[in-house]
Amino acid sequence: MDDSMQRVTYGELKQKIIDVGRHLSVRQLVVIEMGNNMDSVIFYLGCLFRGTVAILVHENLSEFELSEYIVKFEPEYLFLSMDYK
């Protein structure tokens, strides 16, 4: 089930993971603001599928704390939770 309580089949989940993985590169570094939602999980699994290095951070980090990760690790991508303020 996804966040809106709709069902997602394993086949649909697999396709979403593959779709995310197609946009990433092996050994590329990404920071994921990991929330308790389907999009965060799919993006993380897409990273694992592709061999992308993912740094998971809590979705409630302050803007300052998040910027510290960005400056320190210089990720190629930053995945933010849909609820980011």
PDB file of N, CA and C in Angstrom:
ATOM      1  N   MET A   1       0.834  -1.179   0.000  1.00  0.00           N
ATOM      2  CA  MET A   1       0.000   0.000   0.000  1.00  0.00           C
ATOM      3  C   MET A   1       0.877   1.240   0.000  1.00  0.00           C
ATOM      4  N   ASP A   2       0.390   2.284  -0.643  1.00  0.00           N
ATOM      5  CA  ASP A   2       1.124   3.537  -0.613  1.00  0.00           C
ATOM      6  C   ASP A   2       0.558   4.454   0.460  1.00  0.00           C
ATOM      7  N   ASP A   3       1.041   5.690   0.504  1.00  0.00           N
ATOM      8  CA  ASP A   3       0.657   6.626   1.561  1.00  0.00           C
ATOM      9  C   ASP A   3      -0.833   6.922   1.596  1.00  0.00           C
ATOM     10  N   SER A   4      -1.481   6.866   0.454  1.00  0.00           N
ATOM     11  CA  SER A   4      -2.917   7.158   0.407  1.00  0.00           C
ATOM     12  C   SER A   4      -3.746   5.889   0.562  1.00  0.00           C
ATOM     13  N   MET A   5      -3.095   4.821   1.030  1.00  0.00           N
ATOM     14  CA  MET A   5      -3.735   3.526   1.281  1.00  0.00           C
ATOM     15  C   MET A   5      -4.198   2.834  -0.002  1.00  0.00           C
ATOM     16  N   GLN A   6      -3.602   3.203  -1.132  1.00  0.00           N
ATOM     17  CA  GLN A   6      -3.886   2.503  -2.377  1.00  0.00           C
ATOM     18  C   GLN A   6      -2.918   1.336  -2.500  1.00  0.00           C
ATOM     19  N   ARG A   7      -3.371   0.286  -3.113  1.00  0.00           N
ATOM     20  CA  ARG A   7      -2.529  -0.897  -3.262  1.00  0.00           C
ATOM     21  C   ARG A   7      -1.546  -0.723  -4.418  1.00  0.00           C
ATOM     22  N   VAL A   8      -0.338  -1.219  -4.201  1.00  0.00           N
ATOM     23  CA  VAL A   8       0.700  -1.239  -5.220  1.00  0.00           C
ATOM     24  C   VAL A   8       1.174  -2.680  -5.311  1.00  0.00           C
ATOM     25  N   THR A   9       1.130  -3.247  -6.499  1.00  0.00           N
ATOM     26  CA  THR A   9       1.569  -4.631  -6.654  1.00  0.00           C
ATOM     27  C   THR A   9       3.096  -4.695  -6.633  1.00  0.00           C
ATOM     28  N   TYR A  10       3.620  -5.888  -6.417  1.00  0.00           N
ATOM     29  CA  TYR A  10       5.068  -6.060  -6.459  1.00  0.00           C
ATOM     30  C   TYR A  10       5.608  -5.685  -7.833  1.00  0.00           C
ATOM     31  N   GLY A  11       4.870  -6.015  -8.867  1.00  0.00           N
ATOM     32  CA  GLY A  11       5.288  -5.668 -10.226  1.00  0.00           C
ATOM     33  C   GLY A  11       5.356  -4.162 -10.429  1.00  0.00           C
ATOM     34  N   GLU A  12       4.364  -3.439  -9.922  1.00  0.00           N
ATOM     35  CA  GLU A  12       4.360  -1.973 -10.024  1.00  0.00           C
ATOM     36  C   GLU A  12       5.504  -1.374  -9.215  1.00  0.00           C
ATOM     37  N   LEU A  13       5.732  -1.919  -8.034  1.00  0.00           N
ATOM     38  CA  LEU A  13       6.826  -1.445  -7.188  1.00  0.00           C
ATOM     39  C   LEU A  13       8.166  -1.666  -7.888  1.00  0.00           C
ATOM     40  N   LYS A  14       8.349  -2.847  -8.452  1.00  0.00           N
ATOM     41  CA  LYS A  14       9.587  -3.154  -9.167  1.00  0.00           C
ATOM     42  C   LYS A  14       9.805  -2.178 -10.313  1.00  0.00           C
ATOM     43  N   GLN A  15       8.759  -1.875 -11.067  1.00  0.00           N
ATOM     44  CA  GLN A  15       8.887  -0.955 -12.195  1.00  0.00           C
ATOM     45  C   GLN A  15       9.249   0.451 -11.727  1.00  0.00           C
ATOM     46  N   LYS A  16       8.669   0.895 -10.625  1.00  0.00           N
ATOM     47  CA  LYS A  16       8.989   2.223 -10.084  1.00  0.00           C
ATOM     48  C   LYS A  16      10.448   2.287  -9.642  1.00  0.00           C
ATOM     49  N   ILE A  17      10.934   1.221  -9.032  1.00  0.00           N
ATOM     50  CA  ILE A  17      12.330   1.155  -8.592  1.00  0.00           C
ATOM     51  C   ILE A  17      13.267   1.202  -9.796  1.00  0.00           C
ATOM     52  N   ILE A  18      12.952   0.456 -10.831  1.00  0.00           N
ATOM     53  CA  ILE A  18      13.759   0.459 -12.060  1.00  0.00           C
ATOM     54  C   ILE A  18      13.746   1.841 -12.694  1.00  0.00           C
ATOM     55  N   ASP A  19      12.584   2.486 -12.735  1.00  0.00           N
ATOM     56  CA  ASP A  19      12.470   3.825 -13.324  1.00  0.00           C
ATOM     57  C   ASP A  19      13.359   4.829 -12.597  1.00  0.00           C
ATOM     58  N   VAL A  20      13.372   4.778 -11.279  1.00  0.00           N
ATOM     59  CA  VAL A  20      14.246   5.671 -10.503  1.00  0.00           C
ATOM     60  C   VAL A  20      15.705   5.348 -10.808  1.00  0.00           C
ATOM     61  N   GLY A  21      16.049   4.079 -10.807  1.00  0.00           N
ATOM     62  CA  GLY A  21      17.422   3.662 -11.044  1.00  0.00           C
ATOM     63  C   GLY A  21      17.973   4.105 -12.384  1.00  0.00           C
ATOM     64  N   ARG A  22      17.115   4.231 -13.374  1.00  0.00           N
ATOM     65  CA  ARG A  22      17.558   4.652 -14.711  1.00  0.00           C
ATOM     66  C   ARG A  22      18.125   6.070 -14.714  1.00  0.00           C
ATOM     67  N   HIS A  23      17.739   6.872 -13.757  1.00  0.00           N
ATOM     68  CA  HIS A  23      18.181   8.270 -13.707  1.00  0.00           C
ATOM     69  C   HIS A  23      19.420   8.466 -12.838  1.00  0.00           C
ATOM     70  N   LEU A  24      19.930   7.382 -12.278  1.00  0.00           N
ATOM     71  CA  LEU A  24      21.077   7.459 -11.376  1.00  0.00           C
ATOM     72  C   LEU A  24      22.272   6.735 -11.982  1.00  0.00           C
ATOM     73  N   SER A  25      23.435   6.995 -11.414  1.00  0.00           N
ATOM     74  CA  SER A  25      24.658   6.338 -11.870  1.00  0.00           C
ATOM     75  C   SER A  25      25.260   5.515 -10.734  1.00  0.00           C
ATOM     76  N   VAL A  26      26.006   4.506 -11.124  1.00  0.00           N
ATOM     77  CA  VAL A  26      26.701   3.664 -10.151  1.00  0.00           C
ATOM     78  C   VAL A  26      27.707   4.522  -9.387  1.00  0.00           C
ATOM     79  N   ARG A  27      27.781   4.336  -8.092  1.00  0.00           N
ATOM     80  CA  ARG A  27      28.715   5.014  -7.188  1.00  0.00           C
ATOM     81  C   ARG A  27      28.443   6.508  -7.046  1.00  0.00           C
ATOM     82  N   GLN A  28      27.385   6.996  -7.645  1.00  0.00           N
ATOM     83  CA  GLN A  28      26.993   8.390  -7.470  1.00  0.00           C
ATOM     84  C   GLN A  28      26.509   8.574  -6.031  1.00  0.00           C
ATOM     85  N   LEU A  29      26.713   9.739  -5.452  1.00  0.00           N
ATOM     86  CA  LEU A  29      26.322   9.985  -4.069  1.00  0.00           C
ATOM     87  C   LEU A  29      25.041  10.810  -4.021  1.00  0.00           C
ATOM     88  N   VAL A  30      24.070  10.342  -3.242  1.00  0.00           N
ATOM     89  CA  VAL A  30      22.828  11.086  -3.041  1.00  0.00           C
ATOM     90  C   VAL A  30      22.519  11.152  -1.547  1.00  0.00           C
ATOM     91  N   VAL A  31      21.899  12.245  -1.140  1.00  0.00           N
ATOM     92  CA  VAL A  31      21.396  12.382   0.221  1.00  0.00           C
ATOM     93  C   VAL A  31      19.881  12.266   0.136  1.00  0.00           C
ATOM     94  N   ILE A  32      19.319  11.369   0.928  1.00  0.00           N
ATOM     95  CA  ILE A  32      17.870  11.149   0.927  1.00  0.00           C
ATOM     96  C   ILE A  32      17.308  11.564   2.273  1.00  0.00           C
ATOM     97  N   GLU A  33      16.405  12.533   2.235  1.00  0.00           N
ATOM     98  CA  GLU A  33      15.660  12.894   3.435  1.00  0.00           C
ATOM     99  C   GLU A  33      14.583  11.825   3.580  1.00  0.00           C
ATOM    100  N   MET A  34      14.853  10.846   4.429  1.00  0.00           N
ATOM    101  CA  MET A  34      14.030   9.646   4.504  1.00  0.00           C
ATOM    102  C   MET A  34      12.800   9.871   5.368  1.00  0.00           C
ATOM    103  N   GLY A  35      11.654   9.887   4.716  1.00  0.00           N
ATOM    104  CA  GLY A  35      10.392  10.007   5.423  1.00  0.00           C
ATOM    105  C   GLY A  35       9.684   8.668   5.481  1.00  0.00           C
ATOM    106  N   ASN A  36       8.625   8.619   6.206  1.00  0.00           N
ATOM    107  CA  ASN A  36       7.817   7.408   6.311  1.00  0.00           C
ATOM    108  C   ASN A  36       6.763   7.461   5.211  1.00  0.00           C
ATOM    109  N   ASN A  37       7.244   7.354   3.956  1.00  0.00           N
ATOM    110  CA  ASN A  37       6.337   7.445   2.814  1.00  0.00           C
ATOM    111  C   ASN A  37       6.862   6.597   1.659  1.00  0.00           C
ATOM    112  N   MET A  38       5.976   6.309   0.744  1.00  0.00           N
ATOM    113  CA  MET A  38       6.293   5.431  -0.376  1.00  0.00           C
ATOM    114  C   MET A  38       7.390   6.012  -1.273  1.00  0.00           C
ATOM    115  N   ASP A  39       7.353   7.319  -1.533  1.00  0.00           N
ATOM    116  CA  ASP A  39       8.345   7.925  -2.422  1.00  0.00           C
ATOM    117  C   ASP A  39       9.762   7.772  -1.881  1.00  0.00           C
ATOM    118  N   SER A  40       9.936   7.977  -0.579  1.00  0.00           N
ATOM    119  CA  SER A  40      11.262   7.826   0.028  1.00  0.00           C
ATOM    120  C   SER A  40      11.770   6.395  -0.112  1.00  0.00           C
ATOM    121  N   VAL A  41      10.904   5.443   0.143  1.00  0.00           N
ATOM    122  CA  VAL A  41      11.289   4.028   0.051  1.00  0.00           C
ATOM    123  C   VAL A  41      11.638   3.663  -1.386  1.00  0.00           C
ATOM    124  N   ILE A  42      10.828   4.098  -2.339  1.00  0.00           N
ATOM    125  CA  ILE A  42      11.088   3.792  -3.750  1.00  0.00           C
ATOM    126  C   ILE A  42      12.408   4.408  -4.195  1.00  0.00           C
ATOM    127  N   PHE A  43      12.662   5.659  -3.805  1.00  0.00           N
ATOM    128  CA  PHE A  43      13.916   6.297  -4.200  1.00  0.00           C
ATOM    129  C   PHE A  43      15.112   5.565  -3.594  1.00  0.00           C
ATOM    130  N   TYR A  44      15.013   5.186  -2.322  1.00  0.00           N
ATOM    131  CA  TYR A  44      16.096   4.449  -1.667  1.00  0.00           C
ATOM    132  C   TYR A  44      16.338   3.103  -2.357  1.00  0.00           C
ATOM    133  N   LEU A  45      15.270   2.372  -2.630  1.00  0.00           N
ATOM    134  CA  LEU A  45      15.419   1.079  -3.302  1.00  0.00           C
ATOM    135  C   LEU A  45      15.956   1.247  -4.717  1.00  0.00           C
ATOM    136  N   GLY A  46      15.585   2.340  -5.382  1.00  0.00           N
ATOM    137  CA  GLY A  46      16.138   2.646  -6.701  1.00  0.00           C
ATOM    138  C   GLY A  46      17.644   2.854  -6.629  1.00  0.00           C
ATOM    139  N   CYS A  47      18.097   3.507  -5.563  1.00  0.00           N
ATOM    140  CA  CYS A  47      19.540   3.692  -5.352  1.00  0.00           C
ATOM    141  C   CYS A  47      20.235   2.348  -5.162  1.00  0.00           C
ATOM    142  N   LEU A  48      19.657   1.494  -4.331  1.00  0.00           N
ATOM    143  CA  LEU A  48      20.244   0.170  -4.108  1.00  0.00           C
ATOM    144  C   LEU A  48      20.282  -0.631  -5.402  1.00  0.00           C
ATOM    145  N   PHE A  49      19.208  -0.578  -6.166  1.00  0.00           N
ATOM    146  CA  PHE A  49      19.111  -1.303  -7.434  1.00  0.00           C
ATOM    147  C   PHE A  49      20.214  -0.866  -8.396  1.00  0.00           C
ATOM    148  N   ARG A  50      20.480   0.426  -8.435  1.00  0.00           N
ATOM    149  CA  ARG A  50      21.437   0.980  -9.395  1.00  0.00           C
ATOM    150  C   ARG A  50      22.881   0.946  -8.896  1.00  0.00           C
ATOM    151  N   GLY A  51      23.073   0.769  -7.597  1.00  0.00           N
ATOM    152  CA  GLY A  51      24.421   0.801  -7.047  1.00  0.00           C
ATOM    153  C   GLY A  51      24.859   2.208  -6.679  1.00  0.00           C
ATOM    154  N   THR A  52      23.890   3.065  -6.469  1.00  0.00           N
ATOM    155  CA  THR A  52      24.144   4.440  -6.062  1.00  0.00           C
ATOM    156  C   THR A  52      24.349   4.474  -4.550  1.00  0.00           C
ATOM    157  N   VAL A  53      25.261   5.314  -4.090  1.00  0.00           N
ATOM    158  CA  VAL A  53      25.540   5.435  -2.665  1.00  0.00           C
ATOM    159  C   VAL A  53      24.540   6.412  -2.058  1.00  0.00           C
ATOM    160  N   ALA A  54      23.777   5.943  -1.083  1.00  0.00           N
ATOM    161  CA  ALA A  54      22.740   6.768  -0.465  1.00  0.00           C
ATOM    162  C   ALA A  54      23.089   7.067   0.987  1.00  0.00           C
ATOM    163  N   ILE A  55      23.010   8.335   1.338  1.00  0.00           N
ATOM    164  CA  ILE A  55      23.139   8.755   2.728  1.00  0.00           C
ATOM    165  C   ILE A  55      21.738   9.115   3.189  1.00  0.00           C
ATOM    166  N   LEU A  56      21.231   8.386   4.177  1.00  0.00           N
ATOM    167  CA  LEU A  56      19.883   8.634   4.681  1.00  0.00           C
ATOM    168  C   LEU A  56      19.948   9.603   5.847  1.00  0.00           C
ATOM    169  N   VAL A  57      19.096  10.631   5.776  1.00  0.00           N
ATOM    170  CA  VAL A  57      19.001  11.587   6.877  1.00  0.00           C
ATOM    171  C   VAL A  57      17.543  11.673   7.313  1.00  0.00           C
ATOM    172  N   HIS A  58      17.337  12.045   8.547  1.00  0.00           N
ATOM    173  CA  HIS A  58      15.986  12.138   9.111  1.00  0.00           C
ATOM    174  C   HIS A  58      15.208  13.260   8.434  1.00  0.00           C
ATOM    175  N   GLU A  59      13.934  13.022   8.203  1.00  0.00           N
ATOM    176  CA  GLU A  59      13.111  14.010   7.505  1.00  0.00           C
ATOM    177  C   GLU A  59      12.874  15.281   8.312  1.00  0.00           C
ATOM    178  N   ASN A  60      13.136  15.260   9.600  1.00  0.00           N
ATOM    179  CA  ASN A  60      12.898  16.436  10.435  1.00  0.00           C
ATOM    180  C   ASN A  60      14.163  17.226  10.751  1.00  0.00           C
ATOM    181  N   LEU A  61      15.219  17.019   9.965  1.00  0.00           N
ATOM    182  CA  LEU A  61      16.422  17.819  10.174  1.00  0.00           C
ATOM    183  C   LEU A  61      16.113  19.281   9.888  1.00  0.00           C
ATOM    184  N   SER A  62      16.792  20.157  10.601  1.00  0.00           N
ATOM    185  CA  SER A  62      16.636  21.586  10.313  1.00  0.00           C
ATOM    186  C   SER A  62      17.324  21.898   8.982  1.00  0.00           C
ATOM    187  N   GLU A  63      16.999  23.034   8.430  1.00  0.00           N
ATOM    188  CA  GLU A  63      17.625  23.457   7.183  1.00  0.00           C
ATOM    189  C   GLU A  63      19.144  23.558   7.361  1.00  0.00           C
ATOM    190  N   PHE A  64      19.575  24.038   8.524  1.00  0.00           N
ATOM    191  CA  PHE A  64      21.003  24.154   8.821  1.00  0.00           C
ATOM    192  C   PHE A  64      21.668  22.777   8.858  1.00  0.00           C
ATOM    193  N   GLU A  65      21.051  21.830   9.555  1.00  0.00           N
ATOM    194  CA  GLU A  65      21.623  20.478   9.648  1.00  0.00           C
ATOM    195  C   GLU A  65      21.712  19.828   8.273  1.00  0.00           C
ATOM    196  N   LEU A  66      20.676  19.991   7.470  1.00  0.00           N
ATOM    197  CA  LEU A  66      20.684  19.423   6.124  1.00  0.00           C
ATOM    198  C   LEU A  66      21.787  20.058   5.281  1.00  0.00           C
ATOM    199  N   SER A  67      21.951  21.364   5.404  1.00  0.00           N
ATOM    200  CA  SER A  67      22.994  22.048   4.629  1.00  0.00           C
ATOM    201  C   SER A  67      24.387  21.562   5.030  1.00  0.00           C
ATOM    202  N   GLU A  68      24.570  21.164   6.283  1.00  0.00           N
ATOM    203  CA  GLU A  68      25.860  20.615   6.713  1.00  0.00           C
ATOM    204  C   GLU A  68      26.189  19.324   5.964  1.00  0.00           C
ATOM    205  N   TYR A  69      25.195  18.469   5.767  1.00  0.00           N
ATOM    206  CA  TYR A  69      25.410  17.238   4.988  1.00  0.00           C
ATOM    207  C   TYR A  69      25.766  17.572   3.546  1.00  0.00           C
ATOM    208  N   ILE A  70      25.077  18.542   2.988  1.00  0.00           N
ATOM    209  CA  ILE A  70      25.314  18.911   1.592  1.00  0.00           C
ATOM    210  C   ILE A  70      26.732  19.449   1.412  1.00  0.00           C
ATOM    211  N   VAL A  71      27.156  20.327   2.302  1.00  0.00           N
ATOM    212  CA  VAL A  71      28.498  20.906   2.215  1.00  0.00           C
ATOM    213  C   VAL A  71      29.565  19.831   2.438  1.00  0.00           C
ATOM    214  N   LYS A  72      29.347  18.974   3.409  1.00  0.00           N
ATOM    215  CA  LYS A  72      30.353  17.962   3.754  1.00  0.00           C
ATOM    216  C   LYS A  72      30.511  16.890   2.674  1.00  0.00           C
ATOM    217  N   PHE A  73      29.393  16.400   2.125  1.00  0.00           N
ATOM    218  CA  PHE A  73      29.457  15.256   1.214  1.00  0.00           C
ATOM    219  C   PHE A  73      29.320  15.615  -0.264  1.00  0.00           C
ATOM    220  N   GLU A  74      28.850  16.819  -0.587  1.00  0.00           N
ATOM    221  CA  GLU A  74      28.682  17.269  -1.973  1.00  0.00           C
ATOM    222  C   GLU A  74      27.977  16.223  -2.839  1.00  0.00           C
ATOM    223  N   PRO A  75      26.746  15.871  -2.495  1.00  0.00           N
ATOM    224  CA  PRO A  75      26.032  14.835  -3.255  1.00  0.00           C
ATOM    225  C   PRO A  75      25.645  15.312  -4.654  1.00  0.00           C
ATOM    226  N   GLU A  76      25.504  14.353  -5.553  1.00  0.00           N
ATOM    227  CA  GLU A  76      25.024  14.645  -6.905  1.00  0.00           C
ATOM    228  C   GLU A  76      23.550  15.039  -6.878  1.00  0.00           C
ATOM    229  N   TYR A  77      22.796  14.368  -6.000  1.00  0.00           N
ATOM    230  CA  TYR A  77      21.360  14.624  -5.878  1.00  0.00           C
ATOM    231  C   TYR A  77      20.971  14.735  -4.416  1.00  0.00           C
ATOM    232  N   LEU A  78      19.886  15.457  -4.202  1.00  0.00           N
ATOM    233  CA  LEU A  78      19.286  15.585  -2.884  1.00  0.00           C
ATOM    234  C   LEU A  78      17.810  15.251  -3.047  1.00  0.00           C
ATOM    235  N   PHE A  79      17.365  14.193  -2.364  1.00  0.00           N
ATOM    236  CA  PHE A  79      15.957  13.804  -2.416  1.00  0.00           C
ATOM    237  C   PHE A  79      15.295  14.298  -1.144  1.00  0.00           C
ATOM    238  N   LEU A  80      14.331  15.215  -1.298  1.00  0.00           N
ATOM    239  CA  LEU A  80      13.635  15.784  -0.150  1.00  0.00           C
ATOM    240  C   LEU A  80      12.251  15.190  -0.018  1.00  0.00           C
ATOM    241  N   SER A  81      11.836  14.999   1.208  1.00  0.00           N
ATOM    242  CA  SER A  81      10.487  14.518   1.493  1.00  0.00           C
ATOM    243  C   SER A  81       9.476  15.505   0.934  1.00  0.00           C
ATOM    244  N   MET A  82       8.322  15.009   0.539  1.00  0.00           N
ATOM    245  CA  MET A  82       7.267  15.866  -0.013  1.00  0.00           C
ATOM    246  C   MET A  82       6.806  16.910   0.987  1.00  0.00           C
ATOM    247  N   ASP A  83       7.019  16.683   2.261  1.00  0.00           N
ATOM    248  CA  ASP A  83       6.552  17.597   3.299  1.00  0.00           C
ATOM    249  C   ASP A  83       7.614  18.613   3.699  1.00  0.00           C
ATOM    250  N   TYR A  84       8.693  18.720   2.908  1.00  0.00           N
ATOM    251  CA  TYR A  84       9.794  19.618   3.278  1.00  0.00           C
ATOM    252  C   TYR A  84       9.324  21.062   3.324  1.00  0.00           C
ATOM    253  N   LYS A  85       9.752  21.794   4.344  1.00  0.00           N
ATOM    254  CA  LYS A  85       9.354  23.199   4.504  1.00  0.00           C
ATOM    255  C   LYS A  85      10.542  24.098   4.316  1.00  0.00           C
TER     256      LYS A  85
END
